[in-house]
Amino acid sequence: MKTLYLHIGTPKTGTTSIQSFCTENRAVLNKYGFDYPKFPYEYPRTNPERNGLFLSMYSFKEDGTRDYKREAEIVEEAFDQIRETFATCDNVIVSDESIWNRGIREDVPIWERVAD
């Protein structure tokens, strides 16, 4: 059975420590059938170990308006990578603390993204 673990850490509860642990121990996690994937997205002023940030991050066009199309593309690309990972690994871990905060807002459809 393939399982996607979505770690939703609220602010100041050790989420960064868990993300650091998963990043530093990818090889050990892989040995036990888990993967903490690194996605090819970089966001300014954010910890690169937050691999679930693609679920809640905004994208903007050059004119400063929100780029909903690019946001959807990034989410789809990330889930394509997750699906590819499932071909060789049964468990995938995705973690980000902003999921908790933005997950209750309607302007970022996190739960719909995950369900799809």
C-alpha atoms as a PDB file:
ATOM      1  CA  MET A   1       0.000   0.000   0.000  1.00  0.00           C
ATOM      2  CA  LYS A   2       1.347   3.418  -0.990  1.00  0.00           C
ATOM      3  CA  THR A   3       1.095   6.104   1.681  1.00  0.00           C
ATOM      4  CA  LEU A   4       1.653   9.845   1.495  1.00  0.00           C
ATOM      5  CA  TYR A   5       2.470  11.232   4.935  1.00  0.00           C
ATOM      6  CA  LEU A   6       1.596  14.900   5.132  1.00  0.00           C
ATOM      7  CA  HIS A   7       3.347  16.445   8.127  1.00  0.00           C
ATOM      8  CA  ILE A   8       1.529  19.636   9.087  1.00  0.00           C
ATOM      9  CA  GLY A   9       3.492  21.261  11.841  1.00  0.00           C
ATOM     10  CA  THR A  10       2.058  24.301  13.519  1.00  0.00           C
ATOM     11  CA  PRO A  11       4.533  27.144  14.056  1.00  0.00           C
ATOM     12  CA  LYS A  12       7.047  26.693  16.899  1.00  0.00           C
ATOM     13  CA  THR A  13       6.418  22.962  17.410  1.00  0.00           C
ATOM     14  CA  GLY A  14       9.700  21.566  16.069  1.00  0.00           C
ATOM     15  CA  THR A  15       8.714  21.238  12.418  1.00  0.00           C
ATOM     16  CA  THR A  16      12.080  22.561  11.242  1.00  0.00           C
ATOM     17  CA  SER A  17      13.858  19.942  13.356  1.00  0.00           C
ATOM     18  CA  ILE A  18      11.772  17.176  11.791  1.00  0.00           C
ATOM     19  CA  GLN A  19      12.470  18.535   8.312  1.00  0.00           C
ATOM     20  CA  SER A  20      16.201  18.704   9.052  1.00  0.00           C
ATOM     21  CA  PHE A  21      16.165  15.148  10.391  1.00  0.00           C
ATOM     22  CA  CYS A  22      14.381  13.855   7.293  1.00  0.00           C
ATOM     23  CA  THR A  23      16.753  15.727   4.978  1.00  0.00           C
ATOM     24  CA  GLU A  24      19.893  14.551   6.777  1.00  0.00           C
ATOM     25  CA  ASN A  25      18.658  10.956   6.993  1.00  0.00           C
ATOM     26  CA  ARG A  26      17.251  10.382   3.505  1.00  0.00           C
ATOM     27  CA  ALA A  27      19.428   7.300   2.974  1.00  0.00           C
ATOM     28  CA  VAL A  28      18.276   5.705   6.238  1.00  0.00           C
ATOM     29  CA  LEU A  29      14.646   6.537   5.499  1.00  0.00           C
ATOM     30  CA  ASN A  30      15.018   5.000   2.016  1.00  0.00           C
ATOM     31  CA  LYS A  31      16.414   1.834   3.578  1.00  0.00           C
ATOM     32  CA  TYR A  32      13.129   1.424   5.465  1.00  0.00           C
ATOM     33  CA  GLY A  33      10.857   2.251   2.526  1.00  0.00           C
ATOM     34  CA  PHE A  34      10.368   5.985   3.123  1.00  0.00           C
ATOM     35  CA  ASP A  35      11.331   8.947   0.995  1.00  0.00           C
ATOM     36  CA  TYR A  36      11.543  12.619   1.862  1.00  0.00           C
ATOM     37  CA  PRO A  37      11.759  13.999  -1.674  1.00  0.00           C
ATOM     38  CA  LYS A  38      13.594  17.112  -2.678  1.00  0.00           C
ATOM     39  CA  PHE A  39      11.551  19.105  -5.160  1.00  0.00           C
ATOM     40  CA  PRO A  40      13.161  21.460  -7.705  1.00  0.00           C
ATOM     41  CA  TYR A  41      11.413  24.564  -6.384  1.00  0.00           C
ATOM     42  CA  GLU A  42      13.177  27.299  -4.481  1.00  0.00           C
ATOM     43  CA  TYR A  43      11.392  30.052  -2.657  1.00  0.00           C
ATOM     44  CA  PRO A  44      13.057  33.237  -1.422  1.00  0.00           C
ATOM     45  CA  ARG A  45      13.816  33.485   2.291  1.00  0.00           C
ATOM     46  CA  THR A  46      12.571  29.975   3.097  1.00  0.00           C
ATOM     47  CA  ASN A  47      14.257  26.883   4.451  1.00  0.00           C
ATOM     48  CA  PRO A  48      14.934  24.552   1.481  1.00  0.00           C
ATOM     49  CA  GLU A  49      14.199  21.539   3.713  1.00  0.00           C
ATOM     50  CA  ARG A  50      10.496  22.464   3.678  1.00  0.00           C
ATOM     51  CA  ASN A  51       9.591  20.068   0.875  1.00  0.00           C
ATOM     52  CA  GLY A  52       5.820  20.608   1.168  1.00  0.00           C
ATOM     53  CA  LEU A  53       5.906  24.325   0.525  1.00  0.00           C
ATOM     54  CA  PHE A  54       4.673  23.769  -3.045  1.00  0.00           C
ATOM     55  CA  LEU A  55       1.203  23.094  -1.578  1.00  0.00           C
ATOM     56  CA  SER A  56       0.778  26.549  -0.112  1.00  0.00           C
ATOM     57  CA  MET A  57       3.224  28.924  -1.788  1.00  0.00           C
ATOM     58  CA  TYR A  58       2.009  31.734  -3.997  1.00  0.00           C
ATOM     59  CA  SER A  59       3.428  32.367  -7.468  1.00  0.00           C
ATOM     60  CA  PHE A  60       3.433  35.776  -9.103  1.00  0.00           C
ATOM     61  CA  LYS A  61       3.733  37.070 -12.636  1.00  0.00           C
ATOM     62  CA  GLU A  62       6.268  39.724 -13.541  1.00  0.00           C
ATOM     63  CA  ASP A  63       3.567  42.388 -13.225  1.00  0.00           C
ATOM     64  CA  GLY A  64       2.999  41.376  -9.585  1.00  0.00           C
ATOM     65  CA  THR A  65      -0.370  39.666 -10.063  1.00  0.00           C
ATOM     66  CA  ARG A  66      -0.922  36.205  -8.705  1.00  0.00           C
ATOM     67  CA  ASP A  67      -0.129  33.418 -11.162  1.00  0.00           C
ATOM     68  CA  TYR A  68      -2.727  30.756 -10.405  1.00  0.00           C
ATOM     69  CA  LYS A  69      -1.805  28.802 -13.515  1.00  0.00           C
ATOM     70  CA  ARG A  70       1.846  28.483 -12.448  1.00  0.00           C
ATOM     71  CA  GLU A  71       0.779  27.501  -8.922  1.00  0.00           C
ATOM     72  CA  ALA A  72      -1.321  24.671 -10.371  1.00  0.00           C
ATOM     73  CA  GLU A  73       1.559  23.588 -12.630  1.00  0.00           C
ATOM     74  CA  ILE A  74       3.982  23.437  -9.702  1.00  0.00           C
ATOM     75  CA  VAL A  75       1.541  21.338  -7.674  1.00  0.00           C
ATOM     76  CA  GLU A  76       0.998  18.956 -10.582  1.00  0.00           C
ATOM     77  CA  GLU A  77       4.750  18.668 -11.220  1.00  0.00           C
ATOM     78  CA  ALA A  78       5.388  17.903  -7.555  1.00  0.00           C
ATOM     79  CA  PHE A  79       2.666  15.256  -7.454  1.00  0.00           C
ATOM     80  CA  ASP A  80       4.070  13.751 -10.666  1.00  0.00           C
ATOM     81  CA  GLN A  81       7.380  13.435  -8.819  1.00  0.00           C
ATOM     82  CA  ILE A  82       5.586  11.856  -5.847  1.00  0.00           C
ATOM     83  CA  ARG A  83       3.864   9.359  -8.159  1.00  0.00           C
ATOM     84  CA  GLU A  84       7.249   8.507  -9.715  1.00  0.00           C
ATOM     85  CA  THR A  85       8.697   8.020  -6.240  1.00  0.00           C
ATOM     86  CA  PHE A  86       5.894   5.586  -5.420  1.00  0.00           C
ATOM     87  CA  ALA A  87       7.216   3.349  -8.204  1.00  0.00           C
ATOM     88  CA  THR A  88      10.238   2.538  -6.028  1.00  0.00           C
ATOM     89  CA  CYS A  89       9.133   3.496  -2.527  1.00  0.00           C
ATOM     90  CA  ASP A  90       5.948   2.770  -0.568  1.00  0.00           C
ATOM     91  CA  ASN A  91       5.989   5.812   1.721  1.00  0.00           C
ATOM     92  CA  VAL A  92       6.515   9.470   0.885  1.00  0.00           C
ATOM     93  CA  ILE A  93       6.827  12.205   3.506  1.00  0.00           C
ATOM     94  CA  VAL A  94       5.919  15.833   2.725  1.00  0.00           C
ATOM     95  CA  SER A  95       6.325  18.491   5.402  1.00  0.00           C
ATOM     96  CA  ASP A  96       5.631  22.175   5.753  1.00  0.00           C
ATOM     97  CA  GLU A  97       4.374  24.387   8.548  1.00  0.00           C
ATOM     98  CA  SER A  98       2.530  26.766   6.236  1.00  0.00           C
ATOM     99  CA  ILE A  99       0.074  23.991   5.356  1.00  0.00           C
ATOM    100  CA  TRP A 100      -1.472  24.413   8.799  1.00  0.00           C
ATOM    101  CA  ASN A 101      -1.924  28.158   8.438  1.00  0.00           C
ATOM    102  CA  ARG A 102      -2.870  28.425   4.787  1.00  0.00           C
ATOM    103  CA  GLY A 103      -4.885  25.230   4.856  1.00  0.00           C
ATOM    104  CA  ILE A 104      -7.713  27.084   6.566  1.00  0.00           C
ATOM    105  CA  ARG A 105      -7.764  29.901   4.006  1.00  0.00           C
ATOM    106  CA  GLU A 106      -9.828  29.663   0.890  1.00  0.00           C
ATOM    107  CA  ASP A 107      -7.263  31.435  -1.309  1.00  0.00           C
ATOM    108  CA  VAL A 108      -4.948  28.386  -1.272  1.00  0.00           C
ATOM    109  CA  PRO A 109      -6.872  25.163  -2.010  1.00  0.00           C
ATOM    110  CA  ILE A 110      -4.439  22.832  -0.224  1.00  0.00           C
ATOM    111  CA  TRP A 111      -6.901  20.095   0.638  1.00  0.00           C
ATOM    112  CA  GLU A 112      -8.313  20.013  -2.889  1.00  0.00           C
ATOM    113  CA  ARG A 113      -4.768  19.784  -4.239  1.00  0.00           C
ATOM    114  CA  VAL A 114      -3.949  16.822  -2.009  1.00  0.00           C
ATOM    115  CA  ALA A 115      -7.267  15.073  -2.696  1.00  0.00           C
ATOM    116  CA  ASP A 116      -6.830  15.385  -6.465  1.00  0.00           C
END
